[in-house]
Amino acid sequence: MPGLTKFSGRPHYDQGSGNFYLQDVQVSEFQMNGNAPNFNDVVRVLGPGIVAAIMNRFPVYSIQSHPKYGAIAKLALKSVRVSDRQLQVVFANPLLLNTSHRPPQ
């Protein structure tokens, strides 16, 4: 069914699986078209809770998605944060992990 949902949440990274989830999902707008007339109230009342439950349970992104590099990326994850409403994922550069012994320039 076509519709529109706007929501926000707090990103959560599960290191064991390499998956990102949204927690504390808050639905600010929910519309679903094409419902049976006697079903509109049910969709309006229950829809936001269903969206929140889905976003809490199913990953929105997985580092493991690349078959060759997923495991390496999972180990190299340095930090995850939200800045200016964007998710920023920072990975350690494996070539620069030990920067205390840099060669002379």
PDB file of N, CA and C in Angstrom:
ATOM      1  N   MET A   1       0.846  -1.179   0.000  1.00  0.00           N
ATOM      2  CA  MET A   1       0.000   0.000   0.000  1.00  0.00           C
ATOM      3  C   MET A   1       0.888   1.238   0.000  1.00  0.00           C
ATOM      4  N   PRO A   2       0.586   2.214  -0.837  1.00  0.00           N
ATOM      5  CA  PRO A   2       1.390   3.438  -0.845  1.00  0.00           C
ATOM      6  C   PRO A   2       1.130   4.262   0.408  1.00  0.00           C
ATOM      7  N   GLY A   3       2.127   5.046   0.779  1.00  0.00           N
ATOM      8  CA  GLY A   3       1.969   5.898   1.945  1.00  0.00           C
ATOM      9  C   GLY A   3       3.220   6.696   2.215  1.00  0.00           C
ATOM     10  N   LEU A   4       3.258   7.321   3.375  1.00  0.00           N
ATOM     11  CA  LEU A   4       4.375   8.162   3.775  1.00  0.00           C
ATOM     12  C   LEU A   4       4.598   7.985   5.270  1.00  0.00           C
ATOM     13  N   THR A   5       5.855   7.797   5.633  1.00  0.00           N
ATOM     14  CA  THR A   5       6.220   7.714   7.036  1.00  0.00           C
ATOM     15  C   THR A   5       7.459   8.567   7.260  1.00  0.00           C
ATOM     16  N   LYS A   6       7.416   9.407   8.275  1.00  0.00           N
ATOM     17  CA  LYS A   6       8.586  10.171   8.694  1.00  0.00           C
ATOM     18  C   LYS A   6       8.875   9.774  10.128  1.00  0.00           C
ATOM     19  N   PHE A   7      10.135   9.453  10.389  1.00  0.00           N
ATOM     20  CA  PHE A   7      10.499   9.025  11.740  1.00  0.00           C
ATOM     21  C   PHE A   7      11.933   9.393  12.021  1.00  0.00           C
ATOM     22  N   SER A   8      12.277   9.374  13.283  1.00  0.00           N
ATOM     23  CA  SER A   8      13.648   9.606  13.713  1.00  0.00           C
ATOM     24  C   SER A   8      13.984   8.557  14.760  1.00  0.00           C
ATOM     25  N   GLY A   9      15.266   8.361  14.969  1.00  0.00           N
ATOM     26  CA  GLY A   9      15.701   7.380  15.951  1.00  0.00           C
ATOM     27  C   GLY A   9      17.167   7.553  16.271  1.00  0.00           C
ATOM     28  N   ARG A  10      17.598   6.825  17.250  1.00  0.00           N
ATOM     29  CA  ARG A  10      18.996   6.866  17.688  1.00  0.00           C
ATOM     30  C   ARG A  10      19.699   5.646  17.098  1.00  0.00           C
ATOM     31  N   PRO A  11      20.799   5.852  16.338  1.00  0.00           N
ATOM     32  CA  PRO A  11      21.484   4.691  15.755  1.00  0.00           C
ATOM     33  C   PRO A  11      22.159   3.859  16.832  1.00  0.00           C
ATOM     34  N   HIS A  12      22.138   2.572  16.623  1.00  0.00           N
ATOM     35  CA  HIS A  12      22.801   1.623  17.523  1.00  0.00           C
ATOM     36  C   HIS A  12      23.574   0.641  16.656  1.00  0.00           C
ATOM     37  N   TYR A  13      24.847   0.435  16.986  1.00  0.00           N
ATOM     38  CA  TYR A  13      25.692  -0.507  16.261  1.00  0.00           C
ATOM     39  C   TYR A  13      25.881  -1.761  17.092  1.00  0.00           C
ATOM     40  N   ASP A  14      25.568  -2.901  16.511  1.00  0.00           N
ATOM     41  CA  ASP A  14      25.782  -4.187  17.163  1.00  0.00           C
ATOM     42  C   ASP A  14      27.046  -4.798  16.577  1.00  0.00           C
ATOM     43  N   GLN A  15      28.143  -4.748  17.336  1.00  0.00           N
ATOM     44  CA  GLN A  15      29.438  -5.172  16.824  1.00  0.00           C
ATOM     45  C   GLN A  15      29.460  -6.651  16.448  1.00  0.00           C
ATOM     46  N   GLY A  16      28.757  -7.482  17.193  1.00  0.00           N
ATOM     47  CA  GLY A  16      28.766  -8.910  16.904  1.00  0.00           C
ATOM     48  C   GLY A  16      28.235  -9.253  15.532  1.00  0.00           C
ATOM     49  N   SER A  17      27.201  -8.543  15.098  1.00  0.00           N
ATOM     50  CA  SER A  17      26.604  -8.828  13.794  1.00  0.00           C
ATOM     51  C   SER A  17      27.078  -7.876  12.703  1.00  0.00           C
ATOM     52  N   GLY A  18      27.641  -6.721  13.098  1.00  0.00           N
ATOM     53  CA  GLY A  18      28.021  -5.712  12.115  1.00  0.00           C
ATOM     54  C   GLY A  18      26.830  -4.934  11.590  1.00  0.00           C
ATOM     55  N   ASN A  19      25.707  -4.975  12.308  1.00  0.00           N
ATOM     56  CA  ASN A  19      24.478  -4.332  11.857  1.00  0.00           C
ATOM     57  C   ASN A  19      24.200  -3.031  12.608  1.00  0.00           C
ATOM     58  N   PHE A  20      23.578  -2.086  11.899  1.00  0.00           N
ATOM     59  CA  PHE A  20      23.104  -0.845  12.484  1.00  0.00           C
ATOM     60  C   PHE A  20      21.589  -0.911  12.597  1.00  0.00           C
ATOM     61  N   TYR A  21      21.093  -0.522  13.745  1.00  0.00           N
ATOM     62  CA  TYR A  21      19.655  -0.488  14.004  1.00  0.00           C
ATOM     63  C   TYR A  21      19.280   0.918  14.444  1.00  0.00           C
ATOM     64  N   LEU A  22      17.993   1.219  14.408  1.00  0.00           N
ATOM     65  CA  LEU A  22      17.490   2.452  14.992  1.00  0.00           C
ATOM     66  C   LEU A  22      16.757   2.105  16.273  1.00  0.00           C
ATOM     67  N   GLN A  23      17.079   2.804  17.337  1.00  0.00           N
ATOM     68  CA  GLN A  23      16.407   2.616  18.619  1.00  0.00           C
ATOM     69  C   GLN A  23      15.646   3.887  18.957  1.00  0.00           C
ATOM     70  N   ASP A  24      14.727   3.762  19.892  1.00  0.00           N
ATOM     71  CA  ASP A  24      13.925   4.901  20.341  1.00  0.00           C
ATOM     72  C   ASP A  24      13.283   5.616  19.152  1.00  0.00           C
ATOM     73  N   VAL A  25      12.722   4.835  18.246  1.00  0.00           N
ATOM     74  CA  VAL A  25      12.110   5.391  17.035  1.00  0.00           C
ATOM     75  C   VAL A  25      10.862   6.190  17.406  1.00  0.00           C
ATOM     76  N   GLN A  26      10.803   7.404  16.888  1.00  0.00           N
ATOM     77  CA  GLN A  26       9.654   8.281  17.077  1.00  0.00           C
ATOM     78  C   GLN A  26       9.060   8.589  15.699  1.00  0.00           C
ATOM     79  N   VAL A  27       7.821   8.205  15.478  1.00  0.00           N
ATOM     80  CA  VAL A  27       7.150   8.453  14.206  1.00  0.00           C
ATOM     81  C   VAL A  27       6.467   9.812  14.274  1.00  0.00           C
ATOM     82  N   SER A  28       6.867  10.721  13.381  1.00  0.00           N
ATOM     83  CA  SER A  28       6.288  12.070  13.386  1.00  0.00           C
ATOM     84  C   SER A  28       5.165  12.208  12.366  1.00  0.00           C
ATOM     85  N   GLU A  29       5.141  11.353  11.371  1.00  0.00           N
ATOM     86  CA  GLU A  29       4.069  11.401  10.377  1.00  0.00           C
ATOM     87  C   GLU A  29       3.848   9.994   9.836  1.00  0.00           C
ATOM     88  N   PHE A  30       2.590   9.615   9.686  1.00  0.00           N
ATOM     89  CA  PHE A  30       2.258   8.294   9.164  1.00  0.00           C
ATOM     90  C   PHE A  30       0.976   8.383   8.352  1.00  0.00           C
ATOM     91  N   GLN A  31       1.066   8.002   7.091  1.00  0.00           N
ATOM     92  CA  GLN A  31      -0.095   7.953   6.211  1.00  0.00           C
ATOM     93  C   GLN A  31      -0.011   6.675   5.388  1.00  0.00           C
ATOM     94  N   MET A  32      -1.117   6.014   5.212  1.00  0.00           N
ATOM     95  CA  MET A  32      -1.173   4.839   4.354  1.00  0.00           C
ATOM     96  C   MET A  32      -2.467   4.906   3.566  1.00  0.00           C
ATOM     97  N   ASN A  33      -2.343   4.835   2.259  1.00  0.00           N
ATOM     98  CA  ASN A  33      -3.488   4.961   1.368  1.00  0.00           C
ATOM     99  C   ASN A  33      -3.940   3.587   0.883  1.00  0.00           C
ATOM    100  N   GLY A  34      -5.166   3.524   0.442  1.00  0.00           N
ATOM    101  CA  GLY A  34      -5.677   2.293  -0.147  1.00  0.00           C
ATOM    102  C   GLY A  34      -6.251   1.312   0.849  1.00  0.00           C
ATOM    103  N   ASN A  35      -6.497   1.740   2.074  1.00  0.00           N
ATOM    104  CA  ASN A  35      -7.073   0.863   3.089  1.00  0.00           C
ATOM    105  C   ASN A  35      -8.577   0.708   2.848  1.00  0.00           C
ATOM    106  N   ALA A  36      -9.100  -0.377   3.341  1.00  0.00           N
ATOM    107  CA  ALA A  36     -10.558  -0.513   3.380  1.00  0.00           C
ATOM    108  C   ALA A  36     -11.091   0.564   4.324  1.00  0.00           C
ATOM    109  N   PRO A  37     -12.219   1.181   4.014  1.00  0.00           N
ATOM    110  CA  PRO A  37     -12.725   2.295   4.846  1.00  0.00           C
ATOM    111  C   PRO A  37     -12.838   1.958   6.336  1.00  0.00           C
ATOM    112  N   ASN A  38     -13.229   0.768   6.686  1.00  0.00           N
ATOM    113  CA  ASN A  38     -13.363   0.437   8.101  1.00  0.00           C
ATOM    114  C   ASN A  38     -12.013   0.079   8.742  1.00  0.00           C
ATOM    115  N   PHE A  39     -10.938   0.111   7.951  1.00  0.00           N
ATOM    116  CA  PHE A  39      -9.607  -0.235   8.456  1.00  0.00           C
ATOM    117  C   PHE A  39      -8.742   1.010   8.674  1.00  0.00           C
ATOM    118  N   ASN A  40      -9.204   2.171   8.212  1.00  0.00           N
ATOM    119  CA  ASN A  40      -8.421   3.405   8.321  1.00  0.00           C
ATOM    120  C   ASN A  40      -8.051   3.744   9.761  1.00  0.00           C
ATOM    121  N   ASP A  41      -8.979   3.631  10.688  1.00  0.00           N
ATOM    122  CA  ASP A  41      -8.690   3.959  12.088  1.00  0.00           C
ATOM    123  C   ASP A  41      -7.660   3.011  12.679  1.00  0.00           C
ATOM    124  N   VAL A  42      -7.750   1.744  12.349  1.00  0.00           N
ATOM    125  CA  VAL A  42      -6.791   0.751  12.860  1.00  0.00           C
ATOM    126  C   VAL A  42      -5.390   1.076  12.358  1.00  0.00           C
ATOM    127  N   VAL A  43      -5.267   1.377  11.068  1.00  0.00           N
ATOM    128  CA  VAL A  43      -3.964   1.707  10.481  1.00  0.00           C
ATOM    129  C   VAL A  43      -3.399   2.976  11.115  1.00  0.00           C
ATOM    130  N   ARG A  44      -4.235   3.989  11.305  1.00  0.00           N
ATOM    131  CA  ARG A  44      -3.779   5.260  11.888  1.00  0.00           C
ATOM    132  C   ARG A  44      -3.286   5.075  13.320  1.00  0.00           C
ATOM    133  N   VAL A  45      -3.954   4.230  14.095  1.00  0.00           N
ATOM    134  CA  VAL A  45      -3.594   4.036  15.502  1.00  0.00           C
ATOM    135  C   VAL A  45      -2.410   3.085  15.658  1.00  0.00           C
ATOM    136  N   LEU A  46      -2.409   1.981  14.942  1.00  0.00           N
ATOM    137  CA  LEU A  46      -1.374   0.963  15.117  1.00  0.00           C
ATOM    138  C   LEU A  46      -0.156   1.146  14.216  1.00  0.00           C
ATOM    139  N   GLY A  47      -0.312   1.856  13.115  1.00  0.00           N
ATOM    140  CA  GLY A  47       0.772   2.003  12.144  1.00  0.00           C
ATOM    141  C   GLY A  47       2.076   2.540  12.708  1.00  0.00           C
ATOM    142  N   PRO A  48       2.073   3.654  13.442  1.00  0.00           N
ATOM    143  CA  PRO A  48       3.334   4.172  13.982  1.00  0.00           C
ATOM    144  C   PRO A  48       4.058   3.180  14.891  1.00  0.00           C
ATOM    145  N   GLY A  49       3.338   2.451  15.707  1.00  0.00           N
ATOM    146  CA  GLY A  49       3.969   1.449  16.576  1.00  0.00           C
ATOM    147  C   GLY A  49       4.582   0.311  15.786  1.00  0.00           C
ATOM    148  N   ILE A  50       3.933  -0.075  14.707  1.00  0.00           N
ATOM    149  CA  ILE A  50       4.473  -1.143  13.859  1.00  0.00           C
ATOM    150  C   ILE A  50       5.752  -0.677  13.172  1.00  0.00           C
ATOM    151  N   VAL A  51       5.755   0.565  12.668  1.00  0.00           N
ATOM    152  CA  VAL A  51       6.963   1.113  12.042  1.00  0.00           C
ATOM    153  C   VAL A  51       8.112   1.130  13.047  1.00  0.00           C
ATOM    154  N   ALA A  52       7.864   1.605  14.258  1.00  0.00           N
ATOM    155  CA  ALA A  52       8.906   1.661  15.291  1.00  0.00           C
ATOM    156  C   ALA A  52       9.431   0.269  15.605  1.00  0.00           C
ATOM    157  N   ALA A  53       8.545  -0.716  15.722  1.00  0.00           N
ATOM    158  CA  ALA A  53       8.969  -2.085  16.028  1.00  0.00           C
ATOM    159  C   ALA A  53       9.822  -2.664  14.906  1.00  0.00           C
ATOM    160  N   ILE A  54       9.459  -2.393  13.672  1.00  0.00           N
ATOM    161  CA  ILE A  54      10.238  -2.893  12.533  1.00  0.00           C
ATOM    162  C   ILE A  54      11.625  -2.267  12.528  1.00  0.00           C
ATOM    163  N   MET A  55      11.709  -0.950  12.731  1.00  0.00           N
ATOM    164  CA  MET A  55      13.002  -0.271  12.688  1.00  0.00           C
ATOM    165  C   MET A  55      13.899  -0.681  13.852  1.00  0.00           C
ATOM    166  N   ASN A  56      13.325  -1.048  14.980  1.00  0.00           N
ATOM    167  CA  ASN A  56      14.118  -1.535  16.114  1.00  0.00           C
ATOM    168  C   ASN A  56      14.653  -2.932  15.878  1.00  0.00           C
ATOM    169  N   ARG A  57      13.964  -3.720  15.078  1.00  0.00           N
ATOM    170  CA  ARG A  57      14.287  -5.145  14.947  1.00  0.00           C
ATOM    171  C   ARG A  57      15.124  -5.496  13.730  1.00  0.00           C
ATOM    172  N   PHE A  58      14.929  -4.775  12.633  1.00  0.00           N
ATOM    173  CA  PHE A  58      15.620  -5.103  11.393  1.00  0.00           C
ATOM    174  C   PHE A  58      16.694  -4.060  11.110  1.00  0.00           C
ATOM    175  N   PRO A  59      17.880  -4.488  10.707  1.00  0.00           N
ATOM    176  CA  PRO A  59      18.974  -3.530  10.491  1.00  0.00           C
ATOM    177  C   PRO A  59      18.684  -2.586   9.326  1.00  0.00           C
ATOM    178  N   VAL A  60      19.155  -1.342   9.483  1.00  0.00           N
ATOM    179  CA  VAL A  60      19.045  -0.374   8.400  1.00  0.00           C
ATOM    180  C   VAL A  60      20.300  -0.394   7.535  1.00  0.00           C
ATOM    181  N   TYR A  61      21.381  -0.968   8.060  1.00  0.00           N
ATOM    182  CA  TYR A  61      22.628  -1.090   7.314  1.00  0.00           C
ATOM    183  C   TYR A  61      23.464  -2.181   7.954  1.00  0.00           C
ATOM    184  N   SER A  62      24.257  -2.855   7.151  1.00  0.00           N
ATOM    185  CA  SER A  62      25.139  -3.893   7.674  1.00  0.00           C
ATOM    186  C   SER A  62      26.520  -3.751   7.072  1.00  0.00           C
ATOM    187  N   ILE A  63      27.525  -3.707   7.922  1.00  0.00           N
ATOM    188  CA  ILE A  63      28.907  -3.668   7.452  1.00  0.00           C
ATOM    189  C   ILE A  63      29.265  -4.997   6.790  1.00  0.00           C
ATOM    190  N   GLN A  64      28.618  -6.059   7.203  1.00  0.00           N
ATOM    191  CA  GLN A  64      28.908  -7.389   6.678  1.00  0.00           C
ATOM    192  C   GLN A  64      28.422  -7.571   5.246  1.00  0.00           C
ATOM    193  N   SER A  65      27.816  -6.542   4.642  1.00  0.00           N
ATOM    194  CA  SER A  65      27.210  -6.711   3.332  1.00  0.00           C
ATOM    195  C   SER A  65      28.221  -7.047   2.241  1.00  0.00           C
ATOM    196  N   HIS A  66      29.462  -6.645   2.391  1.00  0.00           N
ATOM    197  CA  HIS A  66      30.467  -6.973   1.390  1.00  0.00           C
ATOM    198  C   HIS A  66      31.119  -8.300   1.763  1.00  0.00           C
ATOM    199  N   PRO A  67      31.015  -9.300   0.902  1.00  0.00           N
ATOM    200  CA  PRO A  67      31.508 -10.628   1.273  1.00  0.00           C
ATOM    201  C   PRO A  67      33.009 -10.690   1.537  1.00  0.00           C
ATOM    202  N   LYS A  68      33.792  -9.863   0.859  1.00  0.00           N
ATOM    203  CA  LYS A  68      35.243  -9.934   1.011  1.00  0.00           C
ATOM    204  C   LYS A  68      35.770  -9.033   2.119  1.00  0.00           C
ATOM    205  N   TYR A  69      35.210  -7.838   2.246  1.00  0.00           N
ATOM    206  CA  TYR A  69      35.759  -6.843   3.162  1.00  0.00           C
ATOM    207  C   TYR A  69      34.917  -6.593   4.404  1.00  0.00           C
ATOM    208  N   GLY A  70      33.764  -7.235   4.514  1.00  0.00           N
ATOM    209  CA  GLY A  70      32.876  -6.985   5.631  1.00  0.00           C
ATOM    210  C   GLY A  70      33.503  -7.270   6.988  1.00  0.00           C
ATOM    211  N   ALA A  71      34.196  -8.396   7.130  1.00  0.00           N
ATOM    212  CA  ALA A  71      34.804  -8.753   8.414  1.00  0.00           C
ATOM    213  C   ALA A  71      35.907  -7.770   8.796  1.00  0.00           C
ATOM    214  N   ILE A  72      36.687  -7.322   7.815  1.00  0.00           N
ATOM    215  CA  ILE A  72      37.752  -6.357   8.084  1.00  0.00           C
ATOM    216  C   ILE A  72      37.149  -5.018   8.512  1.00  0.00           C
ATOM    217  N   ALA A  73      36.120  -4.584   7.815  1.00  0.00           N
ATOM    218  CA  ALA A  73      35.483  -3.321   8.154  1.00  0.00           C
ATOM    219  C   ALA A  73      34.885  -3.364   9.547  1.00  0.00           C
ATOM    220  N   LYS A  74      34.311  -4.499   9.910  1.00  0.00           N
ATOM    221  CA  LYS A  74      33.713  -4.644  11.238  1.00  0.00           C
ATOM    222  C   LYS A  74      34.771  -4.463  12.320  1.00  0.00           C
ATOM    223  N   LEU A  75      35.957  -4.988  12.098  1.00  0.00           N
ATOM    224  CA  LEU A  75      37.041  -4.853  13.075  1.00  0.00           C
ATOM    225  C   LEU A  75      37.633  -3.449  13.092  1.00  0.00           C
ATOM    226  N   ALA A  76      37.586  -2.762  11.969  1.00  0.00           N
ATOM    227  CA  ALA A  76      38.213  -1.440  11.860  1.00  0.00           C
ATOM    228  C   ALA A  76      37.286  -0.298  12.263  1.00  0.00           C
ATOM    229  N   LEU A  77      36.027  -0.588  12.614  1.00  0.00           N
ATOM    230  CA  LEU A  77      35.099   0.482  12.977  1.00  0.00           C
ATOM    231  C   LEU A  77      35.616   1.223  14.202  1.00  0.00           C
ATOM    232  N   LYS A  78      35.773   2.523  14.054  1.00  0.00           N
ATOM    233  CA  LYS A  78      36.325   3.336  15.131  1.00  0.00           C
ATOM    234  C   LYS A  78      35.230   4.059  15.914  1.00  0.00           C
ATOM    235  N   SER A  79      34.265   4.653  15.207  1.00  0.00           N
ATOM    236  CA  SER A  79      33.197   5.370  15.896  1.00  0.00           C
ATOM    237  C   SER A  79      31.995   5.556  14.979  1.00  0.00           C
ATOM    238  N   VAL A  80      30.865   5.788  15.626  1.00  0.00           N
ATOM    239  CA  VAL A  80      29.614   6.081  14.922  1.00  0.00           C
ATOM    240  C   VAL A  80      28.947   7.218  15.679  1.00  0.00           C
ATOM    241  N   ARG A  81      28.515   8.242  14.943  1.00  0.00           N
ATOM    242  CA  ARG A  81      27.825   9.341  15.596  1.00  0.00           C
ATOM    243  C   ARG A  81      26.908  10.019  14.585  1.00  0.00           C
ATOM    244  N   VAL A  82      25.999  10.820  15.117  1.00  0.00           N
ATOM    245  CA  VAL A  82      25.111  11.603  14.285  1.00  0.00           C
ATOM    246  C   VAL A  82      25.560  13.052  14.375  1.00  0.00           C
ATOM    247  N   SER A  83      25.779  13.675  13.219  1.00  0.00           N
ATOM    248  CA  SER A  83      26.189  15.071  13.169  1.00  0.00           C
ATOM    249  C   SER A  83      25.399  15.754  12.058  1.00  0.00           C
ATOM    250  N   ASP A  84      24.765  16.847  12.387  1.00  0.00           N
ATOM    251  CA  ASP A  84      23.933  17.570  11.411  1.00  0.00           C
ATOM    252  C   ASP A  84      22.932  16.646  10.738  1.00  0.00           C
ATOM    253  N   ARG A  85      22.302  15.794  11.544  1.00  0.00           N
ATOM    254  CA  ARG A  85      21.258  14.862  11.090  1.00  0.00           C
ATOM    255  C   ARG A  85      21.767  13.816  10.107  1.00  0.00           C
ATOM    256  N   GLN A  86      23.085  13.586  10.082  1.00  0.00           N
ATOM    257  CA  GLN A  86      23.658  12.564   9.222  1.00  0.00           C
ATOM    258  C   GLN A  86      24.442  11.571  10.063  1.00  0.00           C
ATOM    259  N   LEU A  87      24.360  10.307   9.684  1.00  0.00           N
ATOM    260  CA  LEU A  87      25.110   9.255  10.358  1.00  0.00           C
ATOM    261  C   LEU A  87      26.539   9.272   9.838  1.00  0.00           C
ATOM    262  N   GLN A  88      27.491   9.418  10.739  1.00  0.00           N
ATOM    263  CA  GLN A  88      28.896   9.412  10.352  1.00  0.00           C
ATOM    264  C   GLN A  88      29.557   8.170  10.938  1.00  0.00           C
ATOM    265  N   VAL A  89      30.105   7.358  10.057  1.00  0.00           N
ATOM    266  CA  VAL A  89      30.782   6.125  10.442  1.00  0.00           C
ATOM    267  C   VAL A  89      32.256   6.316  10.133  1.00  0.00           C
ATOM    268  N   VAL A  90      33.113   6.158  11.151  1.00  0.00           N
ATOM    269  CA  VAL A  90      34.549   6.377  10.985  1.00  0.00           C
ATOM    270  C   VAL A  90      35.269   5.043  11.177  1.00  0.00           C
ATOM    271  N   PHE A  91      36.105   4.727  10.214  1.00  0.00           N
ATOM    272  CA  PHE A  91      36.904   3.514  10.280  1.00  0.00           C
ATOM    273  C   PHE A  91      38.362   3.890  10.496  1.00  0.00           C
ATOM    274  N   ALA A  92      39.069   3.063  11.253  1.00  0.00           N
ATOM    275  CA  ALA A  92      40.502   3.254  11.440  1.00  0.00           C
ATOM    276  C   ALA A  92      41.206   2.843  10.159  1.00  0.00           C
ATOM    277  N   ASN A  93      42.201   3.606   9.753  1.00  0.00           N
ATOM    278  CA  ASN A  93      43.012   3.245   8.603  1.00  0.00           C
ATOM    279  C   ASN A  93      44.061   2.244   9.088  1.00  0.00           C
ATOM    280  N   PRO A  94      44.001   0.996   8.625  1.00  0.00           N
ATOM    281  CA  PRO A  94      44.932  -0.014   9.145  1.00  0.00           C
ATOM    282  C   PRO A  94      46.386   0.323   8.890  1.00  0.00           C
ATOM    283  N   LEU A  95      46.668   1.153   7.897  1.00  0.00           N
ATOM    284  CA  LEU A  95      48.058   1.528   7.614  1.00  0.00           C
ATOM    285  C   LEU A  95      48.569   2.586   8.573  1.00  0.00           C
ATOM    286  N   LEU A  96      47.650   3.275   9.268  1.00  0.00           N
ATOM    287  CA  LEU A  96      48.052   4.349  10.177  1.00  0.00           C
ATOM    288  C   LEU A  96      47.724   4.036  11.635  1.00  0.00           C
ATOM    289  N   LEU A  97      47.465   2.774  11.949  1.00  0.00           N
ATOM    290  CA  LEU A  97      47.095   2.424  13.317  1.00  0.00           C
ATOM    291  C   LEU A  97      48.203   2.763  14.305  1.00  0.00           C
ATOM    292  N   ASN A  98      49.443   2.555  13.932  1.00  0.00           N
ATOM    293  CA  ASN A  98      50.545   2.851  14.830  1.00  0.00           C
ATOM    294  C   ASN A  98      51.257   4.084  14.292  1.00  0.00           C
ATOM    295  N   THR A  99      50.752   5.248  14.636  1.00  0.00           N
ATOM    296  CA  THR A  99      51.314   6.495  14.110  1.00  0.00           C
ATOM    297  C   THR A  99      52.422   7.053  14.981  1.00  0.00           C
ATOM    298  N   SER A 100      52.731   6.387  16.083  1.00  0.00           N
ATOM    299  CA  SER A 100      53.774   6.913  16.960  1.00  0.00           C
ATOM    300  C   SER A 100      55.161   6.664  16.376  1.00  0.00           C
ATOM    301  N   HIS A 101      55.269   5.775  15.411  1.00  0.00           N
ATOM    302  CA  HIS A 101      56.554   5.467  14.790  1.00  0.00           C
ATOM    303  C   HIS A 101      56.516   5.797  13.294  1.00  0.00           C
ATOM    304  N   ARG A 102      56.211   7.041  13.007  1.00  0.00           N
ATOM    305  CA  ARG A 102      56.180   7.469  11.617  1.00  0.00           C
ATOM    306  C   ARG A 102      57.587   7.612  11.089  1.00  0.00           C
ATOM    307  N   PRO A 103      57.793   7.256   9.816  1.00  0.00           N
ATOM    308  CA  PRO A 103      59.122   7.467   9.250  1.00  0.00           C
ATOM    309  C   PRO A 103      59.407   8.956   9.066  1.00  0.00           C
ATOM    310  N   PRO A 104      60.663   9.366   9.115  1.00  0.00           N
ATOM    311  CA  PRO A 104      60.991  10.786   8.945  1.00  0.00           C
ATOM    312  C   PRO A 104      60.570  11.258   7.560  1.00  0.00           C
ATOM    313  N   GLN A 105      60.188  12.527   7.477  1.00  0.00           N
ATOM    314  CA  GLN A 105      59.766  13.094   6.185  1.00  0.00           C
ATOM    315  C   GLN A 105      60.867  13.804   5.499  1.00  0.00           C
TER     316      GLN A 105
END
